[in-house]
mmCIF file of all heavy atoms, coordinates in Angstrom:
data_MODEL
# 
_entry.id   MODEL 
# 
loop_
_atom_site.group_PDB 
_atom_site.id 
_atom_site.type_symbol 
_atom_site.label_atom_id 
_atom_site.label_alt_id 
_atom_site.label_comp_id 
_atom_site.label_asym_id 
_atom_site.label_entity_id 
_atom_site.label_seq_id 
_atom_site.pdbx_PDB_ins_code 
_atom_site.Cartn_x 
_atom_site.Cartn_y 
_atom_site.Cartn_z 
_atom_site.occupancy 
_atom_site.B_iso_or_equiv 
_atom_site.pdbx_formal_charge 
_atom_site.auth_seq_id 
_atom_site.auth_comp_id 
_atom_site.auth_asym_id 
_atom_site.auth_atom_id 
_atom_site.pdbx_PDB_model_num 
ATOM 1   N N   . GLU A 1 1  ? 0.238  10.889  9.316  1.00 0.00 ? 1  GLU A N   1 
ATOM 2   C CA  . GLU A 1 1  ? 0.033  10.507  7.921  1.00 0.00 ? 1  GLU A CA  1 
ATOM 3   C C   . GLU A 1 1  ? 0.393  9.034   7.752  1.00 0.00 ? 1  GLU A C   1 
ATOM 4   O O   . GLU A 1 1  ? 1.367  8.552   8.338  1.00 0.00 ? 1  GLU A O   1 
ATOM 5   C CB  . GLU A 1 1  ? 0.901  11.353  6.998  1.00 0.00 ? 1  GLU A CB  1 
ATOM 6   C CG  . GLU A 1 1  ? 0.532  12.822  6.985  1.00 0.00 ? 1  GLU A CG  1 
ATOM 7   C CD  . GLU A 1 1  ? -0.724 13.090  6.163  1.00 0.00 ? 1  GLU A CD  1 
ATOM 8   O OE1 . GLU A 1 1  ? -1.214 12.156  5.498  1.00 0.00 ? 1  GLU A OE1 1 
ATOM 9   O OE2 . GLU A 1 1  ? -1.194 14.233  6.176  1.00 0.00 ? 1  GLU A OE2 1 
ATOM 10  N N   . ALA A 1 2  ? -0.397 8.320   6.960  1.00 0.00 ? 2  ALA A N   1 
ATOM 11  C CA  . ALA A 1 2  ? -0.161 6.888   6.801  1.00 0.00 ? 2  ALA A CA  1 
ATOM 12  C C   . ALA A 1 2  ? -0.383 6.456   5.364  1.00 0.00 ? 2  ALA A C   1 
ATOM 13  O O   . ALA A 1 2  ? -1.389 6.807   4.751  1.00 0.00 ? 2  ALA A O   1 
ATOM 14  C CB  . ALA A 1 2  ? -1.094 6.105   7.730  1.00 0.00 ? 2  ALA A CB  1 
ATOM 15  N N   . ASN A 1 3  ? 0.566  5.693   4.835  1.00 0.00 ? 3  ASN A N   1 
ATOM 16  C CA  . ASN A 1 3  ? 0.359  4.964   3.598  1.00 0.00 ? 3  ASN A CA  1 
ATOM 17  C C   . ASN A 1 3  ? -0.065 3.552   3.969  1.00 0.00 ? 3  ASN A C   1 
ATOM 18  O O   . ASN A 1 3  ? 0.630  2.872   4.735  1.00 0.00 ? 3  ASN A O   1 
ATOM 19  C CB  . ASN A 1 3  ? 1.656  4.900   2.781  1.00 0.00 ? 3  ASN A CB  1 
ATOM 20  C CG  . ASN A 1 3  ? 2.130  6.265   2.325  1.00 0.00 ? 3  ASN A CG  1 
ATOM 21  O OD1 . ASN A 1 3  ? 1.466  6.928   1.539  1.00 0.00 ? 3  ASN A OD1 1 
ATOM 22  N ND2 . ASN A 1 3  ? 3.282  6.701   2.826  1.00 0.00 ? 3  ASN A ND2 1 
ATOM 23  N N   . LEU A 1 4  ? -1.198 3.102   3.459  1.00 0.00 ? 4  LEU A N   1 
ATOM 24  C CA  . LEU A 1 4  ? -1.709 1.762   3.737  1.00 0.00 ? 4  LEU A CA  1 
ATOM 25  C C   . LEU A 1 4  ? -1.746 0.993   2.418  1.00 0.00 ? 4  LEU A C   1 
ATOM 26  O O   . LEU A 1 4  ? -2.606 1.244   1.571  1.00 0.00 ? 4  LEU A O   1 
ATOM 27  C CB  . LEU A 1 4  ? -3.093 1.843   4.387  1.00 0.00 ? 4  LEU A CB  1 
ATOM 28  C CG  . LEU A 1 4  ? -3.136 2.564   5.740  1.00 0.00 ? 4  LEU A CG  1 
ATOM 29  C CD1 . LEU A 1 4  ? -4.566 2.796   6.196  1.00 0.00 ? 4  LEU A CD1 1 
ATOM 30  C CD2 . LEU A 1 4  ? -2.367 1.769   6.787  1.00 0.00 ? 4  LEU A CD2 1 
ATOM 31  N N   . LEU A 1 5  ? -0.799 0.086   2.250  1.00 0.00 ? 5  LEU A N   1 
ATOM 32  C CA  . LEU A 1 5  ? -0.581 -0.573  0.974  1.00 0.00 ? 5  LEU A CA  1 
ATOM 33  C C   . LEU A 1 5  ? -0.896 -2.067  1.064  1.00 0.00 ? 5  LEU A C   1 
ATOM 34  O O   . LEU A 1 5  ? -0.567 -2.711  2.067  1.00 0.00 ? 5  LEU A O   1 
ATOM 35  C CB  . LEU A 1 5  ? 0.879  -0.400  0.534  1.00 0.00 ? 5  LEU A CB  1 
ATOM 36  C CG  . LEU A 1 5  ? 1.447  1.020   0.533  1.00 0.00 ? 5  LEU A CG  1 
ATOM 37  C CD1 . LEU A 1 5  ? 2.917  0.989   0.139  1.00 0.00 ? 5  LEU A CD1 1 
ATOM 38  C CD2 . LEU A 1 5  ? 0.650  1.919   -0.411 1.00 0.00 ? 5  LEU A CD2 1 
ATOM 39  N N   . PRO A 1 6  ? -1.500 -2.643  0.017  1.00 0.00 ? 6  PRO A N   1 
ATOM 40  C CA  . PRO A 1 6  ? -1.712 -4.093  0.005  1.00 0.00 ? 6  PRO A CA  1 
ATOM 41  C C   . PRO A 1 6  ? -0.376 -4.809  -0.104 1.00 0.00 ? 6  PRO A C   1 
ATOM 42  O O   . PRO A 1 6  ? 0.476  -4.448  -0.931 1.00 0.00 ? 6  PRO A O   1 
ATOM 43  C CB  . PRO A 1 6  ? -2.585 -4.309  -1.235 1.00 0.00 ? 6  PRO A CB  1 
ATOM 44  C CG  . PRO A 1 6  ? -2.280 -3.146  -2.125 1.00 0.00 ? 6  PRO A CG  1 
ATOM 45  C CD  . PRO A 1 6  ? -1.998 -1.993  -1.207 1.00 0.00 ? 6  PRO A CD  1 
ATOM 46  N N   . ALA A 1 7  ? -0.177 -5.824  0.744  1.00 0.00 ? 7  ALA A N   1 
ATOM 47  C CA  . ALA A 1 7  ? 1.105  -6.529  0.763  1.00 0.00 ? 7  ALA A CA  1 
ATOM 48  C C   . ALA A 1 7  ? 0.881  -7.995  1.122  1.00 0.00 ? 7  ALA A C   1 
ATOM 49  O O   . ALA A 1 7  ? -0.174 -8.376  1.623  1.00 0.00 ? 7  ALA A O   1 
ATOM 50  C CB  . ALA A 1 7  ? 2.051  -5.873  1.770  1.00 0.00 ? 7  ALA A CB  1 
ATOM 51  N N   . THR A 1 8  ? 1.875  -8.794  0.870  1.00 0.00 ? 8  THR A N   1 
ATOM 52  C CA  . THR A 1 8  ? 1.882  -10.171 1.348  1.00 0.00 ? 8  THR A CA  1 
ATOM 53  C C   . THR A 1 8  ? 3.134  -10.378 2.183  1.00 0.00 ? 8  THR A C   1 
ATOM 54  O O   . THR A 1 8  ? 4.132  -9.653  2.024  1.00 0.00 ? 8  THR A O   1 
ATOM 55  C CB  . THR A 1 8  ? 1.855  -11.184 0.185  1.00 0.00 ? 8  THR A CB  1 
ATOM 56  O OG1 . THR A 1 8  ? 2.983  -10.952 -0.663 1.00 0.00 ? 8  THR A OG1 1 
ATOM 57  C CG2 . THR A 1 8  ? 0.573  -11.059 -0.612 1.00 0.00 ? 8  THR A CG2 1 
ATOM 58  N N   . TYR A 1 9  ? 3.067  -11.358 3.066  1.00 0.00 ? 9  TYR A N   1 
ATOM 59  C CA  . TYR A 1 9  ? 4.228  -11.700 3.897  1.00 0.00 ? 9  TYR A CA  1 
ATOM 60  C C   . TYR A 1 9  ? 4.544  -13.162 3.639  1.00 0.00 ? 9  TYR A C   1 
ATOM 61  O O   . TYR A 1 9  ? 3.658  -14.027 3.701  1.00 0.00 ? 9  TYR A O   1 
ATOM 62  C CB  . TYR A 1 9  ? 3.907  -11.466 5.367  1.00 0.00 ? 9  TYR A CB  1 
ATOM 63  C CG  . TYR A 1 9  ? 5.093  -11.673 6.277  1.00 0.00 ? 9  TYR A CG  1 
ATOM 64  C CD1 . TYR A 1 9  ? 6.088  -10.716 6.354  1.00 0.00 ? 9  TYR A CD1 1 
ATOM 65  C CD2 . TYR A 1 9  ? 5.229  -12.839 7.047  1.00 0.00 ? 9  TYR A CD2 1 
ATOM 66  C CE1 . TYR A 1 9  ? 7.194  -10.888 7.183  1.00 0.00 ? 9  TYR A CE1 1 
ATOM 67  C CE2 . TYR A 1 9  ? 6.317  -13.020 7.880  1.00 0.00 ? 9  TYR A CE2 1 
ATOM 68  C CZ  . TYR A 1 9  ? 7.308  -12.042 7.936  1.00 0.00 ? 9  TYR A CZ  1 
ATOM 69  O OH  . TYR A 1 9  ? 8.405  -12.221 8.757  1.00 0.00 ? 9  TYR A OH  1 
ATOM 70  N N   . HIS A 1 10 ? 5.829  -13.442 3.323  1.00 0.00 ? 10 HIS A N   1 
ATOM 71  C CA  . HIS A 1 10 ? 6.204  -14.815 3.017  1.00 0.00 ? 10 HIS A CA  1 
ATOM 72  C C   . HIS A 1 10 ? 7.650  -15.058 3.429  1.00 0.00 ? 10 HIS A C   1 
ATOM 73  O O   . HIS A 1 10 ? 8.575  -14.396 2.933  1.00 0.00 ? 10 HIS A O   1 
ATOM 74  C CB  . HIS A 1 10 ? 6.035  -15.079 1.508  1.00 0.00 ? 10 HIS A CB  1 
ATOM 75  C CG  . HIS A 1 10 ? 6.342  -16.487 1.109  1.00 0.00 ? 10 HIS A CG  1 
ATOM 76  N ND1 . HIS A 1 10 ? 5.595  -17.572 1.517  1.00 0.00 ? 10 HIS A ND1 1 
ATOM 77  C CD2 . HIS A 1 10 ? 7.342  -16.995 0.323  1.00 0.00 ? 10 HIS A CD2 1 
ATOM 78  C CE1 . HIS A 1 10 ? 6.084  -18.679 1.012  1.00 0.00 ? 10 HIS A CE1 1 
ATOM 79  N NE2 . HIS A 1 10 ? 7.155  -18.366 0.281  1.00 0.00 ? 10 HIS A NE2 1 
ATOM 80  N N   . ARG A 1 11 ? 7.799  -15.967 4.389  1.00 0.00 ? 11 ARG A N   1 
ATOM 81  C CA  . ARG A 1 11 ? 9.123  -16.410 4.812  1.00 0.00 ? 11 ARG A CA  1 
ATOM 82  C C   . ARG A 1 11 ? 10.070 -15.253 5.128  1.00 0.00 ? 11 ARG A C   1 
ATOM 83  O O   . ARG A 1 11 ? 11.191 -15.176 4.617  1.00 0.00 ? 11 ARG A O   1 
ATOM 84  C CB  . ARG A 1 11 ? 9.732  -17.328 3.756  1.00 0.00 ? 11 ARG A CB  1 
ATOM 85  C CG  . ARG A 1 11 ? 8.961  -18.630 3.570  1.00 0.00 ? 11 ARG A CG  1 
ATOM 86  C CD  . ARG A 1 11 ? 9.665  -19.553 2.610  1.00 0.00 ? 11 ARG A CD  1 
ATOM 87  N NE  . ARG A 1 11 ? 8.919  -20.813 2.481  1.00 0.00 ? 11 ARG A NE  1 
ATOM 88  C CZ  . ARG A 1 11 ? 9.320  -21.830 1.707  1.00 0.00 ? 11 ARG A CZ  1 
ATOM 89  N NH1 . ARG A 1 11 ? 10.428 -21.719 0.982  1.00 0.00 ? 11 ARG A NH1 1 
ATOM 90  N NH2 . ARG A 1 11 ? 8.590  -22.946 1.646  1.00 0.00 ? 11 ARG A NH2 1 
ATOM 91  N N   . GLY A 1 12 ? 9.605  -14.335 5.977  1.00 0.00 ? 12 GLY A N   1 
ATOM 92  C CA  . GLY A 1 12 ? 10.465 -13.256 6.444  1.00 0.00 ? 12 GLY A CA  1 
ATOM 93  C C   . GLY A 1 12 ? 10.607 -12.083 5.510  1.00 0.00 ? 12 GLY A C   1 
ATOM 94  O O   . GLY A 1 12 ? 11.473 -11.222 5.722  1.00 0.00 ? 12 GLY A O   1 
ATOM 95  N N   . GLU A 1 13 ? 9.766  -12.032 4.489  1.00 0.00 ? 13 GLU A N   1 
ATOM 96  C CA  . GLU A 1 13 ? 9.815  -10.893 3.566  1.00 0.00 ? 13 GLU A CA  1 
ATOM 97  C C   . GLU A 1 13 ? 8.432  -10.287 3.383  1.00 0.00 ? 13 GLU A C   1 
ATOM 98  O O   . GLU A 1 13 ? 7.427  -11.007 3.279  1.00 0.00 ? 13 GLU A O   1 
ATOM 99  C CB  . GLU A 1 13 ? 10.333 -11.317 2.191  1.00 0.00 ? 13 GLU A CB  1 
ATOM 100 C CG  . GLU A 1 13 ? 11.824 -11.524 2.104  1.00 0.00 ? 13 GLU A CG  1 
ATOM 101 C CD  . GLU A 1 13 ? 12.263 -11.729 0.667  1.00 0.00 ? 13 GLU A CD  1 
ATOM 102 O OE1 . GLU A 1 13 ? 11.507 -12.354 -0.114 1.00 0.00 ? 13 GLU A OE1 1 
ATOM 103 O OE2 . GLU A 1 13 ? 13.358 -11.265 0.308  1.00 0.00 ? 13 GLU A OE2 1 
ATOM 104 N N   . VAL A 1 14 ? 8.394  -8.954  3.308  1.00 0.00 ? 14 VAL A N   1 
ATOM 105 C CA  . VAL A 1 14 ? 7.191  -8.238  2.892  1.00 0.00 ? 14 VAL A CA  1 
ATOM 106 C C   . VAL A 1 14 ? 7.298  -8.015  1.390  1.00 0.00 ? 14 VAL A C   1 
ATOM 107 O O   . VAL A 1 14 ? 8.345  -7.567  0.893  1.00 0.00 ? 14 VAL A O   1 
ATOM 108 C CB  . VAL A 1 14 ? 7.063  -6.883  3.609  1.00 0.00 ? 14 VAL A CB  1 
ATOM 109 C CG1 . VAL A 1 14 ? 5.899  -6.075  3.036  1.00 0.00 ? 14 VAL A CG1 1 
ATOM 110 C CG2 . VAL A 1 14 ? 6.859  -7.084  5.101  1.00 0.00 ? 14 VAL A CG2 1 
ATOM 111 N N   . VAL A 1 15 ? 6.210  -8.310  0.678  1.00 0.00 ? 15 VAL A N   1 
ATOM 112 C CA  . VAL A 1 15 ? 6.209  -8.139  -0.770 1.00 0.00 ? 15 VAL A CA  1 
ATOM 113 C C   . VAL A 1 15 ? 5.125  -7.135  -1.146 1.00 0.00 ? 15 VAL A C   1 
ATOM 114 O O   . VAL A 1 15 ? 3.941  -7.335  -0.843 1.00 0.00 ? 15 VAL A O   1 
ATOM 115 C CB  . VAL A 1 15 ? 5.950  -9.476  -1.497 1.00 0.00 ? 15 VAL A CB  1 
ATOM 116 C CG1 . VAL A 1 15 ? 6.009  -9.267  -3.010 1.00 0.00 ? 15 VAL A CG1 1 
ATOM 117 C CG2 . VAL A 1 15 ? 6.961  -10.527 -1.055 1.00 0.00 ? 15 VAL A CG2 1 
ATOM 118 N N   . VAL A 1 16 ? 5.538  -6.018  -1.767 1.00 0.00 ? 16 VAL A N   1 
ATOM 119 C CA  . VAL A 1 16 ? 4.620  -4.990  -2.251 1.00 0.00 ? 16 VAL A CA  1 
ATOM 120 C C   . VAL A 1 16 ? 4.870  -4.841  -3.747 1.00 0.00 ? 16 VAL A C   1 
ATOM 121 O O   . VAL A 1 16 ? 5.922  -4.334  -4.156 1.00 0.00 ? 16 VAL A O   1 
ATOM 122 C CB  . VAL A 1 16 ? 4.843  -3.640  -1.540 1.00 0.00 ? 16 VAL A CB  1 
ATOM 123 C CG1 . VAL A 1 16 ? 3.826  -2.611  -2.018 1.00 0.00 ? 16 VAL A CG1 1 
ATOM 124 C CG2 . VAL A 1 16 ? 4.775  -3.795  -0.027 1.00 0.00 ? 16 VAL A CG2 1 
ATOM 125 N N   . ALA A 1 17 ? 3.921  -5.313  -4.560 1.00 0.00 ? 17 ALA A N   1 
ATOM 126 C CA  . ALA A 1 17 ? 4.111  -5.355  -6.016 1.00 0.00 ? 17 ALA A CA  1 
ATOM 127 C C   . ALA A 1 17 ? 5.396  -6.136  -6.307 1.00 0.00 ? 17 ALA A C   1 
ATOM 128 O O   . ALA A 1 17 ? 5.502  -7.291  -5.932 1.00 0.00 ? 17 ALA A O   1 
ATOM 129 C CB  . ALA A 1 17 ? 4.113  -3.954  -6.602 1.00 0.00 ? 17 ALA A CB  1 
ATOM 130 N N   . THR A 1 18 ? 6.393  -5.485  -6.907 1.00 0.00 ? 18 THR A N   1 
ATOM 131 C CA  . THR A 1 18 ? 7.655  -6.176  -7.220 1.00 0.00 ? 18 THR A CA  1 
ATOM 132 C C   . THR A 1 18 ? 8.734  -5.936  -6.152 1.00 0.00 ? 18 THR A C   1 
ATOM 133 O O   . THR A 1 18 ? 9.856  -6.444  -6.285 1.00 0.00 ? 18 THR A O   1 
ATOM 134 C CB  . THR A 1 18 ? 8.186  -5.692  -8.576 1.00 0.00 ? 18 THR A CB  1 
ATOM 135 O OG1 . THR A 1 18 ? 8.356  -4.265  -8.529 1.00 0.00 ? 18 THR A OG1 1 
ATOM 136 C CG2 . THR A 1 18 ? 7.214  -6.044  -9.699 1.00 0.00 ? 18 THR A CG2 1 
ATOM 137 N N   . TYR A 1 19 ? 8.412  -5.170  -5.145 1.00 0.00 ? 19 TYR A N   1 
ATOM 138 C CA  . TYR A 1 19 ? 9.388  -4.802  -4.101 1.00 0.00 ? 19 TYR A CA  1 
ATOM 139 C C   . TYR A 1 19 ? 9.345  -5.835  -2.974 1.00 0.00 ? 19 TYR A C   1 
ATOM 140 O O   . TYR A 1 19 ? 8.293  -6.108  -2.400 1.00 0.00 ? 19 TYR A O   1 
ATOM 141 C CB  . TYR A 1 19 ? 9.066  -3.405  -3.588 1.00 0.00 ? 19 TYR A CB  1 
ATOM 142 C CG  . TYR A 1 19 ? 9.948  -2.885  -2.473 1.00 0.00 ? 19 TYR A CG  1 
ATOM 143 C CD1 . TYR A 1 19 ? 11.290 -3.251  -2.372 1.00 0.00 ? 19 TYR A CD1 1 
ATOM 144 C CD2 . TYR A 1 19 ? 9.434  -1.991  -1.536 1.00 0.00 ? 19 TYR A CD2 1 
ATOM 145 C CE1 . TYR A 1 19 ? 12.096 -2.747  -1.373 1.00 0.00 ? 19 TYR A CE1 1 
ATOM 146 C CE2 . TYR A 1 19 ? 10.228 -1.476  -0.528 1.00 0.00 ? 19 TYR A CE2 1 
ATOM 147 C CZ  . TYR A 1 19 ? 11.555 -1.864  -0.439 1.00 0.00 ? 19 TYR A CZ  1 
ATOM 148 O OH  . TYR A 1 19 ? 12.347 -1.371  0.556  1.00 0.00 ? 19 TYR A OH  1 
ATOM 149 N N   . ARG A 1 20 ? 10.503 -6.402  -2.635 1.00 0.00 ? 20 ARG A N   1 
ATOM 150 C CA  . ARG A 1 20 ? 10.626 -7.376  -1.559 1.00 0.00 ? 20 ARG A CA  1 
ATOM 151 C C   . ARG A 1 20 ? 11.542 -6.804  -0.492 1.00 0.00 ? 20 ARG A C   1 
ATOM 152 O O   . ARG A 1 20 ? 12.652 -6.330  -0.784 1.00 0.00 ? 20 ARG A O   1 
ATOM 153 C CB  . ARG A 1 20 ? 11.178 -8.707  -2.088 1.00 0.00 ? 20 ARG A CB  1 
ATOM 154 C CG  . ARG A 1 20 ? 10.407 -9.254  -3.283 1.00 0.00 ? 20 ARG A CG  1 
ATOM 155 C CD  . ARG A 1 20 ? 11.015 -10.545 -3.803 1.00 0.00 ? 20 ARG A CD  1 
ATOM 156 N NE  . ARG A 1 20 ? 10.712 -11.658 -2.913 1.00 0.00 ? 20 ARG A NE  1 
ATOM 157 C CZ  . ARG A 1 20 ? 9.641  -12.442 -3.042 1.00 0.00 ? 20 ARG A CZ  1 
ATOM 158 N NH1 . ARG A 1 20 ? 8.766  -12.218 -4.024 1.00 0.00 ? 20 ARG A NH1 1 
ATOM 159 N NH2 . ARG A 1 20 ? 9.436  -13.448 -2.216 1.00 0.00 ? 20 ARG A NH2 1 
ATOM 160 N N   . LEU A 1 21 ? 11.083 -6.871  0.757  1.00 0.00 ? 21 LEU A N   1 
ATOM 161 C CA  . LEU A 1 21 ? 11.816 -6.248  1.862  1.00 0.00 ? 21 LEU A CA  1 
ATOM 162 C C   . LEU A 1 21 ? 11.892 -7.215  3.038  1.00 0.00 ? 21 LEU A C   1 
ATOM 163 O O   . LEU A 1 21 ? 10.854 -7.632  3.569  1.00 0.00 ? 21 LEU A O   1 
ATOM 164 C CB  . LEU A 1 21 ? 11.100 -4.956  2.297  1.00 0.00 ? 21 LEU A CB  1 
ATOM 165 C CG  . LEU A 1 21 ? 11.639 -4.223  3.520  1.00 0.00 ? 21 LEU A CG  1 
ATOM 166 C CD1 . LEU A 1 21 ? 13.027 -3.649  3.223  1.00 0.00 ? 21 LEU A CD1 1 
ATOM 167 C CD2 . LEU A 1 21 ? 10.691 -3.086  3.917  1.00 0.00 ? 21 LEU A CD2 1 
ATOM 168 N N   . PRO A 1 22 ? 13.086 -7.610  3.483  1.00 0.00 ? 22 PRO A N   1 
ATOM 169 C CA  . PRO A 1 22 ? 13.207 -8.469  4.667  1.00 0.00 ? 22 PRO A CA  1 
ATOM 170 C C   . PRO A 1 22 ? 12.605 -7.764  5.890  1.00 0.00 ? 22 PRO A C   1 
ATOM 171 O O   . PRO A 1 22 ? 12.872 -6.576  6.129  1.00 0.00 ? 22 PRO A O   1 
ATOM 172 C CB  . PRO A 1 22 ? 14.720 -8.647  4.829  1.00 0.00 ? 22 PRO A CB  1 
ATOM 173 C CG  . PRO A 1 22 ? 15.288 -8.364  3.478  1.00 0.00 ? 22 PRO A CG  1 
ATOM 174 C CD  . PRO A 1 22 ? 14.400 -7.313  2.880  1.00 0.00 ? 22 PRO A CD  1 
ATOM 175 N N   . TYR A 1 23 ? 11.776 -8.510  6.651  1.00 0.00 ? 23 TYR A N   1 
ATOM 176 C CA  . TYR A 1 23 ? 11.063 -7.864  7.763  1.00 0.00 ? 23 TYR A CA  1 
ATOM 177 C C   . TYR A 1 23 ? 10.600 -8.918  8.755  1.00 0.00 ? 23 TYR A C   1 
ATOM 178 O O   . TYR A 1 23 ? 10.167 -10.006 8.366  1.00 0.00 ? 23 TYR A O   1 
ATOM 179 C CB  . TYR A 1 23 ? 9.854  -7.092  7.218  1.00 0.00 ? 23 TYR A CB  1 
ATOM 180 C CG  . TYR A 1 23 ? 9.044  -6.369  8.280  1.00 0.00 ? 23 TYR A CG  1 
ATOM 181 C CD1 . TYR A 1 23 ? 9.569  -5.271  8.949  1.00 0.00 ? 23 TYR A CD1 1 
ATOM 182 C CD2 . TYR A 1 23 ? 7.763  -6.801  8.615  1.00 0.00 ? 23 TYR A CD2 1 
ATOM 183 C CE1 . TYR A 1 23 ? 8.840  -4.612  9.920  1.00 0.00 ? 23 TYR A CE1 1 
ATOM 184 C CE2 . TYR A 1 23 ? 7.018  -6.138  9.584  1.00 0.00 ? 23 TYR A CE2 1 
ATOM 185 C CZ  . TYR A 1 23 ? 7.566  -5.048  10.237 1.00 0.00 ? 23 TYR A CZ  1 
ATOM 186 O OH  . TYR A 1 23 ? 6.839  -4.404  11.199 1.00 0.00 ? 23 TYR A OH  1 
ATOM 187 N N   . GLN A 1 24 ? 10.692 -8.584  10.035 1.00 0.00 ? 24 GLN A N   1 
ATOM 188 C CA  . GLN A 1 24 ? 10.222 -9.460  11.101 1.00 0.00 ? 24 GLN A CA  1 
ATOM 189 C C   . GLN A 1 24 ? 9.277  -8.681  12.018 1.00 0.00 ? 24 GLN A C   1 
ATOM 190 O O   . GLN A 1 24 ? 9.547  -7.530  12.356 1.00 0.00 ? 24 GLN A O   1 
ATOM 191 C CB  . GLN A 1 24 ? 11.404 -9.994  11.929 1.00 0.00 ? 24 GLN A CB  1 
ATOM 192 C CG  . GLN A 1 24 ? 12.391 -10.855 11.149 1.00 0.00 ? 24 GLN A CG  1 
ATOM 193 C CD  . GLN A 1 24 ? 11.774 -12.165 10.693 1.00 0.00 ? 24 GLN A CD  1 
ATOM 194 O OE1 . GLN A 1 24 ? 10.918 -12.736 11.376 1.00 0.00 ? 24 GLN A OE1 1 
ATOM 195 N NE2 . GLN A 1 24 ? 12.209 -12.645 9.527  1.00 0.00 ? 24 GLN A NE2 1 
ATOM 196 N N   . GLN A 1 25 ? 8.169  -9.323  12.379 1.00 0.00 ? 25 GLN A N   1 
ATOM 197 C CA  . GLN A 1 25 ? 7.211  -8.721  13.312 1.00 0.00 ? 25 GLN A CA  1 
ATOM 198 C C   . GLN A 1 25 ? 6.537  -9.842  14.100 1.00 0.00 ? 25 GLN A C   1 
ATOM 199 O O   . GLN A 1 25 ? 6.068  -10.826 13.519 1.00 0.00 ? 25 GLN A O   1 
ATOM 200 C CB  . GLN A 1 25 ? 6.158  -7.903  12.548 1.00 0.00 ? 25 GLN A CB  1 
ATOM 201 C CG  . GLN A 1 25 ? 5.133  -7.206  13.428 1.00 0.00 ? 25 GLN A CG  1 
ATOM 202 C CD  . GLN A 1 25 ? 4.179  -6.341  12.618 1.00 0.00 ? 25 GLN A CD  1 
ATOM 203 O OE1 . GLN A 1 25 ? 4.576  -5.656  11.677 1.00 0.00 ? 25 GLN A OE1 1 
ATOM 204 N NE2 . GLN A 1 25 ? 2.905  -6.382  12.968 1.00 0.00 ? 25 GLN A NE2 1 
ATOM 205 N N   . GLU A 1 26 ? 6.473  -9.681  15.392 1.00 0.00 ? 26 GLU A N   1 
ATOM 206 C CA  . GLU A 1 26 ? 5.899  -10.720 16.243 1.00 0.00 ? 26 GLU A CA  1 
ATOM 207 C C   . GLU A 1 26 ? 4.433  -10.974 15.877 1.00 0.00 ? 26 GLU A C   1 
ATOM 208 O O   . GLU A 1 26 ? 3.657  -10.040 15.670 1.00 0.00 ? 26 GLU A O   1 
ATOM 209 C CB  . GLU A 1 26 ? 5.994  -10.294 17.714 1.00 0.00 ? 26 GLU A CB  1 
ATOM 210 C CG  . GLU A 1 26 ? 5.546  -11.360 18.698 1.00 0.00 ? 26 GLU A CG  1 
ATOM 211 C CD  . GLU A 1 26 ? 5.709  -10.922 20.143 1.00 0.00 ? 26 GLU A CD  1 
ATOM 212 O OE1 . GLU A 1 26 ? 6.323  -9.865  20.381 1.00 0.00 ? 26 GLU A OE1 1 
ATOM 213 O OE2 . GLU A 1 26 ? 5.209  -11.645 21.026 1.00 0.00 ? 26 GLU A OE2 1 
ATOM 214 N N   . GLY A 1 27 ? 4.079  -12.270 15.790 1.00 0.00 ? 27 GLY A N   1 
ATOM 215 C CA  . GLY A 1 27 ? 2.695  -12.648 15.542 1.00 0.00 ? 27 GLY A CA  1 
ATOM 216 C C   . GLY A 1 27 ? 2.291  -12.664 14.084 1.00 0.00 ? 27 GLY A C   1 
ATOM 217 O O   . GLY A 1 27 ? 1.125  -12.925 13.773 1.00 0.00 ? 27 GLY A O   1 
ATOM 218 N N   . ILE A 1 28 ? 3.222  -12.400 13.174 1.00 0.00 ? 28 ILE A N   1 
ATOM 219 C CA  . ILE A 1 28 ? 2.889  -12.349 11.745 1.00 0.00 ? 28 ILE A CA  1 
ATOM 220 C C   . ILE A 1 28 ? 3.111  -13.720 11.111 1.00 0.00 ? 28 ILE A C   1 
ATOM 221 O O   . ILE A 1 28 ? 4.143  -14.359 11.312 1.00 0.00 ? 28 ILE A O   1 
ATOM 222 C CB  . ILE A 1 28 ? 3.756  -11.287 11.028 1.00 0.00 ? 28 ILE A CB  1 
ATOM 223 C CG1 . ILE A 1 28 ? 3.448  -9.896  11.592 1.00 0.00 ? 28 ILE A CG1 1 
ATOM 224 C CG2 . ILE A 1 28 ? 3.507  -11.316 9.530  1.00 0.00 ? 28 ILE A CG2 1 
ATOM 225 C CD1 . ILE A 1 28 ? 2.017  -9.460  11.428 1.00 0.00 ? 28 ILE A CD1 1 
ATOM 226 N N   . THR A 1 29 ? 2.143  -14.159 10.321 1.00 0.00 ? 29 THR A N   1 
ATOM 227 C CA  . THR A 1 29 ? 2.256  -15.413 9.582  1.00 0.00 ? 29 THR A CA  1 
ATOM 228 C C   . THR A 1 29 ? 2.160  -15.129 8.086  1.00 0.00 ? 29 THR A C   1 
ATOM 229 O O   . THR A 1 29 ? 1.728  -14.047 7.672  1.00 0.00 ? 29 THR A O   1 
ATOM 230 C CB  . THR A 1 29 ? 1.132  -16.383 9.987  1.00 0.00 ? 29 THR A CB  1 
ATOM 231 O OG1 . THR A 1 29 ? -0.144 -15.748 9.755  1.00 0.00 ? 29 THR A OG1 1 
ATOM 232 C CG2 . THR A 1 29 ? 1.235  -16.763 11.452 1.00 0.00 ? 29 THR A CG2 1 
# 
C-alpha cells in the first residue's frame, strides 16, 4: 500500500501542505 502525496523539498525539509519534516535522501535537490 502506498500514499503518493505532492510535496516539495527545500533545504533538508520535506513540505506537504503545512507539514514540514526534516529529511535527507541521496540525490535529492
